[in-house]
Amino acid sequence: MLDYTKEELLSLIESNPDKFNEWKKDRDDVDLSEVDFSNMIIKEVDFSDVDLNSSSFSDCHLALVNFYGADLTAVDFTRAVVTECDFTESILTGADCSYAEMTYCNFTDCDMAGTVLSETILTSSDLTAAENLSSARYDSDTVWPDDDMMPAEFDTVYKDDLSSLKDDEDSAVEDY
């Protein structure tokens, strides 16, 4: 079996995803952490169980990508268009999905603690069994899927959290 550098794997994913998937099939320790996939079009790639920690998918178009069991800790998905991707049992802790469109995705047993979902569009995505969704950061512009695709106890109404502390102008101390 051939061993590739991260740069060679990046090129392979972009030019020949089937060859990457075939190569990956025999491996269980693929490390693509800190790789910059920005602005790429990625379709039908198998990233299952891959270490993608701190990688960037910003401004990407991802379709039918398998992230099953992948380590997506602190991954950048800002402004990405993510369609029909499987995040089952993946770790999205601390990932930034701001301004992304993540539609028709499966987040079953995906750990979303600290995931930033500000102005994220999650239309038709399945979040019913997502873990730690209440620990994600979102705002009033986050577009959630229908209620039947959300955990029963989750409240989609935005509430200010500690990261959005504001000065109260009414309690300003006046000079005497």
N, C-alpha and C. Protein backbone atom coordinates (compact mmCIF):
# COMPACT_ATOMS: atom_id res chain seq x y z
N MET A 1 0.82 -1.20 0.00
CA MET A 1 0.00 0.00 0.00
C MET A 1 0.86 1.25 0.00
N LEU A 2 0.46 2.20 -0.75
CA LEU A 2 1.19 3.46 -0.83
C LEU A 2 0.92 4.31 0.40
N ASP A 3 1.94 5.02 0.83
CA ASP A 3 1.76 6.04 1.86
C ASP A 3 1.86 7.39 1.19
N TYR A 4 0.93 8.27 1.57
CA TYR A 4 0.87 9.60 0.97
C TYR A 4 1.13 10.65 2.04
N THR A 5 1.66 11.79 1.61
CA THR A 5 1.75 12.94 2.51
C THR A 5 0.37 13.59 2.57
N LYS A 6 0.16 14.49 3.51
CA LYS A 6 -1.12 15.19 3.60
C LYS A 6 -1.39 15.98 2.32
N GLU A 7 -0.36 16.58 1.76
CA GLU A 7 -0.53 17.36 0.52
C GLU A 7 -0.95 16.46 -0.63
N GLU A 8 -0.35 15.26 -0.70
CA GLU A 8 -0.71 14.31 -1.76
C GLU A 8 -2.14 13.81 -1.57
N LEU A 9 -2.53 13.57 -0.33
CA LEU A 9 -3.91 13.14 -0.06
C LEU A 9 -4.90 14.24 -0.42
N LEU A 10 -4.56 15.49 -0.12
CA LEU A 10 -5.43 16.62 -0.47
C LEU A 10 -5.64 16.66 -1.98
N SER A 11 -4.57 16.51 -2.73
CA SER A 11 -4.66 16.50 -4.18
C SER A 11 -5.48 15.31 -4.68
N LEU A 12 -5.31 14.16 -4.05
CA LEU A 12 -6.05 12.95 -4.42
C LEU A 12 -7.55 13.13 -4.16
N ILE A 13 -7.90 13.72 -3.02
CA ILE A 13 -9.30 13.96 -2.67
C ILE A 13 -9.95 14.88 -3.70
N GLU A 14 -9.20 15.88 -4.14
CA GLU A 14 -9.74 16.84 -5.10
C GLU A 14 -9.84 16.25 -6.51
N SER A 15 -8.84 15.49 -6.94
CA SER A 15 -8.80 15.03 -8.32
C SER A 15 -9.38 13.63 -8.54
N ASN A 16 -9.27 12.76 -7.51
CA ASN A 16 -9.72 11.39 -7.69
C ASN A 16 -10.26 10.82 -6.37
N PRO A 17 -11.46 11.27 -5.96
CA PRO A 17 -11.99 10.83 -4.67
C PRO A 17 -12.18 9.31 -4.57
N ASP A 18 -12.49 8.64 -5.68
CA ASP A 18 -12.65 7.18 -5.65
C ASP A 18 -11.34 6.49 -5.28
N LYS A 19 -10.25 6.99 -5.80
CA LYS A 19 -8.93 6.42 -5.49
C LYS A 19 -8.60 6.65 -4.01
N PHE A 20 -8.94 7.85 -3.49
CA PHE A 20 -8.74 8.12 -2.07
C PHE A 20 -9.56 7.15 -1.24
N ASN A 21 -10.83 6.97 -1.58
CA ASN A 21 -11.72 6.07 -0.83
C ASN A 21 -11.18 4.63 -0.84
N GLU A 22 -10.67 4.20 -1.98
CA GLU A 22 -10.11 2.85 -2.09
C GLU A 22 -8.86 2.72 -1.21
N TRP A 23 -8.00 3.72 -1.23
CA TRP A 23 -6.79 3.72 -0.41
C TRP A 23 -7.15 3.71 1.08
N LYS A 24 -8.13 4.52 1.45
CA LYS A 24 -8.52 4.67 2.86
C LYS A 24 -9.18 3.41 3.42
N LYS A 25 -9.81 2.64 2.56
CA LYS A 25 -10.57 1.47 2.99
C LYS A 25 -9.73 0.52 3.86
N ASP A 26 -8.45 0.42 3.59
CA ASP A 26 -7.58 -0.49 4.33
C ASP A 26 -6.87 0.17 5.50
N ARG A 27 -7.25 1.37 5.83
CA ARG A 27 -6.56 2.11 6.89
C ARG A 27 -7.56 2.50 7.99
N ASP A 28 -7.07 2.53 9.21
CA ASP A 28 -7.93 2.98 10.31
C ASP A 28 -7.29 4.12 11.10
N ASP A 29 -6.20 4.68 10.59
CA ASP A 29 -5.51 5.75 11.32
C ASP A 29 -5.14 6.91 10.39
N VAL A 30 -6.06 7.34 9.56
CA VAL A 30 -5.79 8.41 8.61
C VAL A 30 -5.80 9.75 9.35
N ASP A 31 -4.70 10.49 9.24
CA ASP A 31 -4.54 11.77 9.92
C ASP A 31 -4.52 12.89 8.87
N LEU A 32 -5.62 13.63 8.83
CA LEU A 32 -5.71 14.82 7.98
C LEU A 32 -5.96 16.05 8.83
N SER A 33 -5.42 16.03 10.05
CA SER A 33 -5.59 17.17 10.94
C SER A 33 -4.84 18.38 10.38
N GLU A 34 -5.43 19.55 10.61
CA GLU A 34 -4.85 20.84 10.22
C GLU A 34 -4.66 21.00 8.71
N VAL A 35 -5.45 20.28 7.91
CA VAL A 35 -5.38 20.41 6.45
C VAL A 35 -6.36 21.48 6.00
N ASP A 36 -5.95 22.28 5.02
CA ASP A 36 -6.79 23.35 4.49
C ASP A 36 -7.49 22.88 3.22
N PHE A 37 -8.79 22.55 3.36
CA PHE A 37 -9.62 22.14 2.23
C PHE A 37 -10.41 23.32 1.67
N SER A 38 -10.15 24.52 2.14
CA SER A 38 -10.95 25.71 1.79
C SER A 38 -11.18 25.83 0.29
N ASN A 39 -12.41 26.23 -0.05
CA ASN A 39 -12.83 26.52 -1.43
C ASN A 39 -12.87 25.30 -2.35
N MET A 40 -12.80 24.10 -1.80
CA MET A 40 -12.84 22.90 -2.64
C MET A 40 -14.27 22.41 -2.83
N ILE A 41 -14.47 21.65 -3.88
CA ILE A 41 -15.72 20.92 -4.09
C ILE A 41 -15.40 19.47 -3.78
N ILE A 42 -16.06 18.93 -2.74
CA ILE A 42 -15.77 17.57 -2.29
C ILE A 42 -17.07 16.77 -2.33
N LYS A 43 -17.07 15.70 -3.13
CA LYS A 43 -18.26 14.87 -3.30
C LYS A 43 -17.91 13.41 -3.07
N GLU A 44 -18.80 12.74 -2.33
CA GLU A 44 -18.73 11.29 -2.13
C GLU A 44 -17.38 10.81 -1.60
N VAL A 45 -16.81 11.56 -0.67
CA VAL A 45 -15.54 11.17 -0.04
C VAL A 45 -15.84 10.51 1.30
N ASP A 46 -15.09 9.45 1.60
CA ASP A 46 -15.26 8.72 2.85
C ASP A 46 -14.22 9.19 3.86
N PHE A 47 -14.67 10.09 4.75
CA PHE A 47 -13.82 10.57 5.84
C PHE A 47 -14.17 9.84 7.15
N SER A 48 -14.82 8.69 7.07
CA SER A 48 -15.21 7.99 8.30
C SER A 48 -13.98 7.65 9.12
N ASP A 49 -14.07 7.94 10.42
CA ASP A 49 -13.01 7.68 11.41
C ASP A 49 -11.69 8.40 11.11
N VAL A 50 -11.70 9.43 10.29
CA VAL A 50 -10.50 10.19 9.96
C VAL A 50 -10.30 11.30 10.99
N ASP A 51 -9.05 11.57 11.35
CA ASP A 51 -8.72 12.69 12.23
C ASP A 51 -8.61 13.95 11.38
N LEU A 52 -9.61 14.81 11.48
CA LEU A 52 -9.66 16.07 10.75
C LEU A 52 -9.55 17.26 11.71
N ASN A 53 -9.08 17.00 12.91
CA ASN A 53 -8.94 18.01 13.95
C ASN A 53 -8.29 19.29 13.42
N SER A 54 -8.94 20.43 13.64
CA SER A 54 -8.43 21.76 13.28
C SER A 54 -8.24 21.97 11.78
N SER A 55 -8.91 21.19 10.95
CA SER A 55 -8.85 21.41 9.51
C SER A 55 -9.85 22.50 9.12
N SER A 56 -9.74 22.98 7.89
CA SER A 56 -10.65 24.01 7.42
C SER A 56 -11.38 23.57 6.16
N PHE A 57 -12.71 23.64 6.23
CA PHE A 57 -13.57 23.40 5.08
C PHE A 57 -14.32 24.70 4.74
N SER A 58 -13.76 25.83 5.10
CA SER A 58 -14.47 27.10 4.87
C SER A 58 -14.67 27.32 3.38
N ASP A 59 -15.84 27.81 3.04
CA ASP A 59 -16.23 28.11 1.66
C ASP A 59 -16.21 26.89 0.74
N CYS A 60 -16.29 25.70 1.30
CA CYS A 60 -16.34 24.45 0.51
C CYS A 60 -17.76 24.13 0.10
N HIS A 61 -17.86 23.28 -0.90
CA HIS A 61 -19.12 22.64 -1.28
C HIS A 61 -18.91 21.16 -1.03
N LEU A 62 -19.64 20.62 -0.05
CA LEU A 62 -19.52 19.21 0.32
C LEU A 62 -20.85 18.52 0.07
N ALA A 63 -20.82 17.41 -0.63
CA ALA A 63 -22.05 16.66 -0.91
C ALA A 63 -21.78 15.17 -0.73
N LEU A 64 -22.69 14.50 -0.01
CA LEU A 64 -22.62 13.06 0.20
C LEU A 64 -21.29 12.62 0.80
N VAL A 65 -20.75 13.44 1.71
CA VAL A 65 -19.48 13.12 2.36
C VAL A 65 -19.78 12.35 3.65
N ASN A 66 -19.04 11.29 3.90
CA ASN A 66 -19.23 10.46 5.08
C ASN A 66 -18.22 10.86 6.15
N PHE A 67 -18.71 11.52 7.21
CA PHE A 67 -17.88 11.91 8.35
C PHE A 67 -18.12 10.98 9.55
N TYR A 68 -18.68 9.79 9.33
CA TYR A 68 -19.03 8.88 10.41
C TYR A 68 -17.83 8.65 11.34
N GLY A 69 -17.99 8.98 12.61
CA GLY A 69 -16.95 8.74 13.62
C GLY A 69 -15.71 9.60 13.47
N ALA A 70 -15.74 10.61 12.63
CA ALA A 70 -14.56 11.46 12.40
C ALA A 70 -14.35 12.43 13.56
N ASP A 71 -13.09 12.79 13.79
CA ASP A 71 -12.74 13.81 14.77
C ASP A 71 -12.73 15.15 14.05
N LEU A 72 -13.78 15.93 14.27
CA LEU A 72 -13.93 17.24 13.65
C LEU A 72 -13.78 18.35 14.69
N THR A 73 -13.02 18.08 15.73
CA THR A 73 -12.80 19.07 16.79
C THR A 73 -12.18 20.33 16.21
N ALA A 74 -12.78 21.47 16.48
CA ALA A 74 -12.28 22.78 16.08
C ALA A 74 -12.13 22.94 14.56
N VAL A 75 -12.93 22.19 13.79
CA VAL A 75 -12.90 22.32 12.33
C VAL A 75 -13.68 23.57 11.91
N ASP A 76 -13.21 24.22 10.86
CA ASP A 76 -13.82 25.44 10.34
C ASP A 76 -14.71 25.10 9.14
N PHE A 77 -16.03 25.22 9.33
CA PHE A 77 -17.00 25.02 8.25
C PHE A 77 -17.66 26.35 7.85
N THR A 78 -17.06 27.49 8.19
CA THR A 78 -17.72 28.77 7.91
C THR A 78 -18.01 28.92 6.42
N ARG A 79 -19.21 29.37 6.14
CA ARG A 79 -19.71 29.64 4.80
C ARG A 79 -19.70 28.42 3.87
N ALA A 80 -19.56 27.23 4.41
CA ALA A 80 -19.57 26.02 3.59
C ALA A 80 -21.00 25.63 3.23
N VAL A 81 -21.15 24.99 2.08
CA VAL A 81 -22.43 24.42 1.68
C VAL A 81 -22.28 22.91 1.82
N VAL A 82 -22.99 22.36 2.82
CA VAL A 82 -22.85 20.96 3.20
C VAL A 82 -24.20 20.28 2.98
N THR A 83 -24.25 19.36 2.01
CA THR A 83 -25.52 18.75 1.63
C THR A 83 -25.44 17.22 1.73
N GLU A 84 -26.43 16.65 2.43
CA GLU A 84 -26.56 15.19 2.57
C GLU A 84 -25.29 14.52 3.09
N CYS A 85 -24.66 15.11 4.10
CA CYS A 85 -23.46 14.53 4.69
C CYS A 85 -23.82 13.82 6.00
N ASP A 86 -23.07 12.78 6.33
CA ASP A 86 -23.33 11.97 7.51
C ASP A 86 -22.30 12.29 8.59
N PHE A 87 -22.77 12.88 9.69
CA PHE A 87 -21.93 13.22 10.83
C PHE A 87 -22.16 12.26 12.01
N THR A 88 -22.76 11.10 11.76
CA THR A 88 -23.07 10.14 12.80
C THR A 88 -21.83 9.80 13.62
N GLU A 89 -21.97 9.88 14.95
CA GLU A 89 -20.93 9.55 15.92
C GLU A 89 -19.63 10.35 15.75
N SER A 90 -19.70 11.47 15.05
CA SER A 90 -18.51 12.30 14.91
C SER A 90 -18.41 13.27 16.08
N ILE A 91 -17.25 13.90 16.19
CA ILE A 91 -17.00 14.86 17.26
C ILE A 91 -16.88 16.24 16.62
N LEU A 92 -17.87 17.09 16.86
CA LEU A 92 -17.89 18.45 16.31
C LEU A 92 -17.61 19.49 17.40
N THR A 93 -17.02 19.10 18.50
CA THR A 93 -16.81 20.03 19.61
C THR A 93 -15.92 21.18 19.17
N GLY A 94 -16.41 22.38 19.41
CA GLY A 94 -15.65 23.58 19.09
C GLY A 94 -15.57 23.90 17.61
N ALA A 95 -16.30 23.18 16.78
CA ALA A 95 -16.29 23.47 15.33
C ALA A 95 -17.04 24.77 15.06
N ASP A 96 -16.61 25.50 14.05
CA ASP A 96 -17.26 26.75 13.67
C ASP A 96 -18.04 26.54 12.38
N CYS A 97 -19.36 26.53 12.50
CA CYS A 97 -20.24 26.34 11.35
C CYS A 97 -21.00 27.62 11.01
N SER A 98 -20.46 28.75 11.42
CA SER A 98 -21.11 30.03 11.18
C SER A 98 -21.35 30.26 9.69
N TYR A 99 -22.53 30.76 9.38
CA TYR A 99 -22.92 31.14 8.02
C TYR A 99 -22.94 29.95 7.05
N ALA A 100 -22.86 28.73 7.55
CA ALA A 100 -22.87 27.55 6.68
C ALA A 100 -24.30 27.13 6.37
N GLU A 101 -24.47 26.42 5.26
CA GLU A 101 -25.73 25.77 4.91
C GLU A 101 -25.50 24.28 5.08
N MET A 102 -26.08 23.70 6.12
CA MET A 102 -25.90 22.27 6.40
C MET A 102 -27.26 21.60 6.29
N THR A 103 -27.65 21.27 5.06
CA THR A 103 -28.99 20.75 4.79
C THR A 103 -28.98 19.25 4.51
N TYR A 104 -30.04 18.59 4.95
CA TYR A 104 -30.23 17.15 4.76
C TYR A 104 -29.08 16.33 5.34
N CYS A 105 -28.48 16.80 6.45
CA CYS A 105 -27.37 16.10 7.09
C CYS A 105 -27.87 15.27 8.27
N ASN A 106 -27.14 14.23 8.63
CA ASN A 106 -27.48 13.36 9.75
C ASN A 106 -26.47 13.61 10.88
N PHE A 107 -26.98 14.05 12.04
CA PHE A 107 -26.13 14.34 13.19
C PHE A 107 -26.39 13.35 14.35
N THR A 108 -26.81 12.14 14.06
CA THR A 108 -27.10 11.14 15.09
C THR A 108 -25.85 10.85 15.92
N ASP A 109 -25.98 10.98 17.25
CA ASP A 109 -24.90 10.74 18.20
C ASP A 109 -23.65 11.57 17.92
N CYS A 110 -23.81 12.70 17.27
CA CYS A 110 -22.71 13.62 17.00
C CYS A 110 -22.56 14.55 18.22
N ASP A 111 -21.35 14.67 18.76
CA ASP A 111 -21.10 15.54 19.91
C ASP A 111 -20.93 16.98 19.42
N MET A 112 -21.90 17.84 19.77
CA MET A 112 -21.93 19.21 19.28
C MET A 112 -21.63 20.24 20.38
N ALA A 113 -20.98 19.81 21.46
CA ALA A 113 -20.64 20.74 22.55
C ALA A 113 -19.74 21.86 22.01
N GLY A 114 -20.16 23.08 22.20
CA GLY A 114 -19.35 24.22 21.79
C GLY A 114 -19.34 24.51 20.31
N THR A 115 -20.14 23.78 19.53
CA THR A 115 -20.21 24.04 18.09
C THR A 115 -20.87 25.39 17.87
N VAL A 116 -20.29 26.21 17.02
CA VAL A 116 -20.83 27.54 16.72
C VAL A 116 -21.76 27.41 15.51
N LEU A 117 -23.04 27.73 15.73
CA LEU A 117 -24.07 27.61 14.70
C LEU A 117 -24.70 28.97 14.39
N SER A 118 -23.94 30.04 14.53
CA SER A 118 -24.47 31.39 14.28
C SER A 118 -24.80 31.56 12.80
N GLU A 119 -26.04 31.91 12.54
CA GLU A 119 -26.56 32.12 11.19
C GLU A 119 -26.40 30.89 10.29
N THR A 120 -26.37 29.71 10.90
CA THR A 120 -26.27 28.46 10.16
C THR A 120 -27.66 28.02 9.70
N ILE A 121 -27.74 27.52 8.49
CA ILE A 121 -29.00 27.00 7.96
C ILE A 121 -28.93 25.48 8.09
N LEU A 122 -29.84 24.91 8.88
CA LEU A 122 -29.86 23.47 9.16
C LEU A 122 -31.13 22.81 8.63
N THR A 123 -31.73 23.38 7.62
CA THR A 123 -32.98 22.90 7.05
C THR A 123 -32.91 21.42 6.70
N SER A 124 -33.91 20.68 7.14
CA SER A 124 -34.08 19.25 6.85
C SER A 124 -32.96 18.37 7.38
N SER A 125 -32.12 18.86 8.25
CA SER A 125 -31.08 18.02 8.87
C SER A 125 -31.66 17.33 10.09
N ASP A 126 -31.17 16.13 10.38
CA ASP A 126 -31.67 15.34 11.50
C ASP A 126 -30.80 15.56 12.73
N LEU A 127 -31.34 16.31 13.70
CA LEU A 127 -30.66 16.60 14.95
C LEU A 127 -31.33 15.91 16.13
N THR A 128 -32.27 14.98 15.87
CA THR A 128 -33.06 14.36 16.93
C THR A 128 -32.19 13.67 17.98
N ALA A 129 -31.09 13.07 17.57
CA ALA A 129 -30.24 12.34 18.51
C ALA A 129 -28.84 12.96 18.64
N ALA A 130 -28.72 14.25 18.30
CA ALA A 130 -27.44 14.93 18.45
C ALA A 130 -27.12 15.08 19.94
N GLU A 131 -25.86 14.90 20.31
CA GLU A 131 -25.44 15.02 21.70
C GLU A 131 -24.95 16.43 21.99
N ASN A 132 -25.28 16.93 23.16
CA ASN A 132 -24.82 18.22 23.66
C ASN A 132 -25.21 19.40 22.77
N LEU A 133 -26.32 19.28 22.05
CA LEU A 133 -26.79 20.37 21.20
C LEU A 133 -27.10 21.61 22.04
N SER A 134 -27.57 21.41 23.27
CA SER A 134 -27.87 22.56 24.14
C SER A 134 -26.60 23.31 24.54
N SER A 135 -25.43 22.71 24.34
CA SER A 135 -24.17 23.38 24.64
C SER A 135 -23.57 24.06 23.41
N ALA A 136 -24.27 23.99 22.28
CA ALA A 136 -23.81 24.67 21.07
C ALA A 136 -24.14 26.16 21.19
N ARG A 137 -23.43 26.97 20.43
CA ARG A 137 -23.70 28.41 20.40
C ARG A 137 -24.44 28.73 19.12
N TYR A 138 -25.57 29.41 19.25
CA TYR A 138 -26.37 29.78 18.10
C TYR A 138 -26.99 31.14 18.36
N ASP A 139 -27.60 31.72 17.35
CA ASP A 139 -28.22 33.04 17.53
C ASP A 139 -29.62 33.04 16.92
N SER A 140 -30.24 34.19 16.95
CA SER A 140 -31.61 34.29 16.45
C SER A 140 -31.69 34.11 14.94
N ASP A 141 -30.57 34.15 14.24
CA ASP A 141 -30.56 33.96 12.79
C ASP A 141 -30.25 32.52 12.37
N THR A 142 -30.07 31.63 13.34
CA THR A 142 -29.87 30.22 13.02
C THR A 142 -31.19 29.66 12.50
N VAL A 143 -31.15 28.94 11.39
CA VAL A 143 -32.36 28.36 10.79
C VAL A 143 -32.37 26.87 11.13
N TRP A 144 -33.32 26.49 11.98
CA TRP A 144 -33.42 25.11 12.46
C TRP A 144 -34.30 24.28 11.56
N PRO A 145 -34.13 22.96 11.57
CA PRO A 145 -35.07 22.09 10.84
C PRO A 145 -36.42 22.07 11.54
N ASP A 146 -37.40 21.41 10.94
CA ASP A 146 -38.71 21.27 11.57
C ASP A 146 -38.59 20.57 12.91
N ASP A 147 -39.57 20.77 13.79
CA ASP A 147 -39.55 20.22 15.15
C ASP A 147 -39.35 18.71 15.19
N ASP A 148 -39.88 17.99 14.19
CA ASP A 148 -39.74 16.53 14.21
C ASP A 148 -38.30 16.08 13.91
N MET A 149 -37.44 17.00 13.55
CA MET A 149 -36.02 16.70 13.31
C MET A 149 -35.13 17.24 14.42
N MET A 150 -35.76 17.70 15.52
CA MET A 150 -35.04 18.29 16.66
C MET A 150 -35.27 17.44 17.90
N PRO A 151 -34.31 17.48 18.86
CA PRO A 151 -34.54 16.79 20.14
C PRO A 151 -35.78 17.38 20.83
N ALA A 152 -36.56 16.54 21.47
CA ALA A 152 -37.82 16.98 22.08
C ALA A 152 -37.61 18.09 23.11
N GLU A 153 -36.54 18.01 23.89
CA GLU A 153 -36.34 18.97 24.97
C GLU A 153 -35.59 20.23 24.55
N PHE A 154 -35.16 20.32 23.29
CA PHE A 154 -34.34 21.46 22.86
C PHE A 154 -35.20 22.67 22.54
N ASP A 155 -34.79 23.83 23.05
CA ASP A 155 -35.48 25.08 22.82
C ASP A 155 -34.69 25.89 21.80
N THR A 156 -35.25 26.09 20.62
CA THR A 156 -34.54 26.81 19.56
C THR A 156 -34.56 28.32 19.73
N VAL A 157 -35.29 28.82 20.72
CA VAL A 157 -35.34 30.26 20.94
C VAL A 157 -33.99 30.72 21.48
N TYR A 158 -33.41 31.68 20.80
CA TYR A 158 -32.09 32.19 21.18
C TYR A 158 -32.13 32.88 22.52
N LYS A 159 -31.16 32.54 23.35
CA LYS A 159 -30.99 33.20 24.64
C LYS A 159 -29.56 33.68 24.72
N ASP A 160 -29.38 34.90 25.20
CA ASP A 160 -28.02 35.41 25.33
C ASP A 160 -27.21 34.49 26.23
N ASP A 161 -25.99 34.21 25.83
CA ASP A 161 -25.11 33.42 26.69
C ASP A 161 -23.97 34.31 27.17
N LEU A 162 -23.08 33.77 27.95
CA LEU A 162 -22.00 34.57 28.52
C LEU A 162 -21.10 35.20 27.47
N SER A 163 -21.04 34.61 26.27
CA SER A 163 -20.18 35.16 25.23
C SER A 163 -20.76 36.45 24.64
N SER A 164 -22.00 36.76 24.96
CA SER A 164 -22.61 37.96 24.39
C SER A 164 -22.94 38.99 25.47
N LEU A 165 -22.15 39.03 26.53
CA LEU A 165 -22.39 40.01 27.58
C LEU A 165 -22.32 41.41 27.02
N LYS A 166 -23.26 42.22 27.44
CA LYS A 166 -23.33 43.60 26.96
C LYS A 166 -23.34 44.54 28.16
N ASP A 167 -22.80 45.72 27.95
CA ASP A 167 -22.87 46.73 28.99
C ASP A 167 -24.30 47.25 29.06
N ASP A 168 -24.78 47.43 30.25
CA ASP A 168 -26.11 47.98 30.45
C ASP A 168 -25.98 49.49 30.53
N GLU A 169 -26.44 50.19 29.50
CA GLU A 169 -26.28 51.63 29.45
C GLU A 169 -27.03 52.34 30.57
N ASP A 170 -28.11 51.74 31.05
CA ASP A 170 -28.90 52.37 32.10
C ASP A 170 -28.18 52.39 33.45
N SER A 171 -27.23 51.49 33.61
CA SER A 171 -26.57 51.43 34.92
C SER A 171 -25.20 52.13 34.89
N ALA A 172 -25.00 52.98 33.91
CA ALA A 172 -23.72 53.70 33.82
C ALA A 172 -23.58 54.62 35.04
N VAL A 173 -22.38 54.67 35.58
CA VAL A 173 -22.11 55.53 36.73
C VAL A 173 -21.90 56.95 36.24
N GLU A 174 -22.66 57.88 36.84
CA GLU A 174 -22.53 59.27 36.44
C GLU A 174 -21.43 59.95 37.24
N ASP A 175 -20.76 60.89 36.61
CA ASP A 175 -19.74 61.67 37.32
C ASP A 175 -20.42 62.70 38.19
N TYR A 176 -19.88 62.91 39.40
CA TYR A 176 -20.48 63.89 40.31
C TYR A 176 -19.63 65.10 40.41
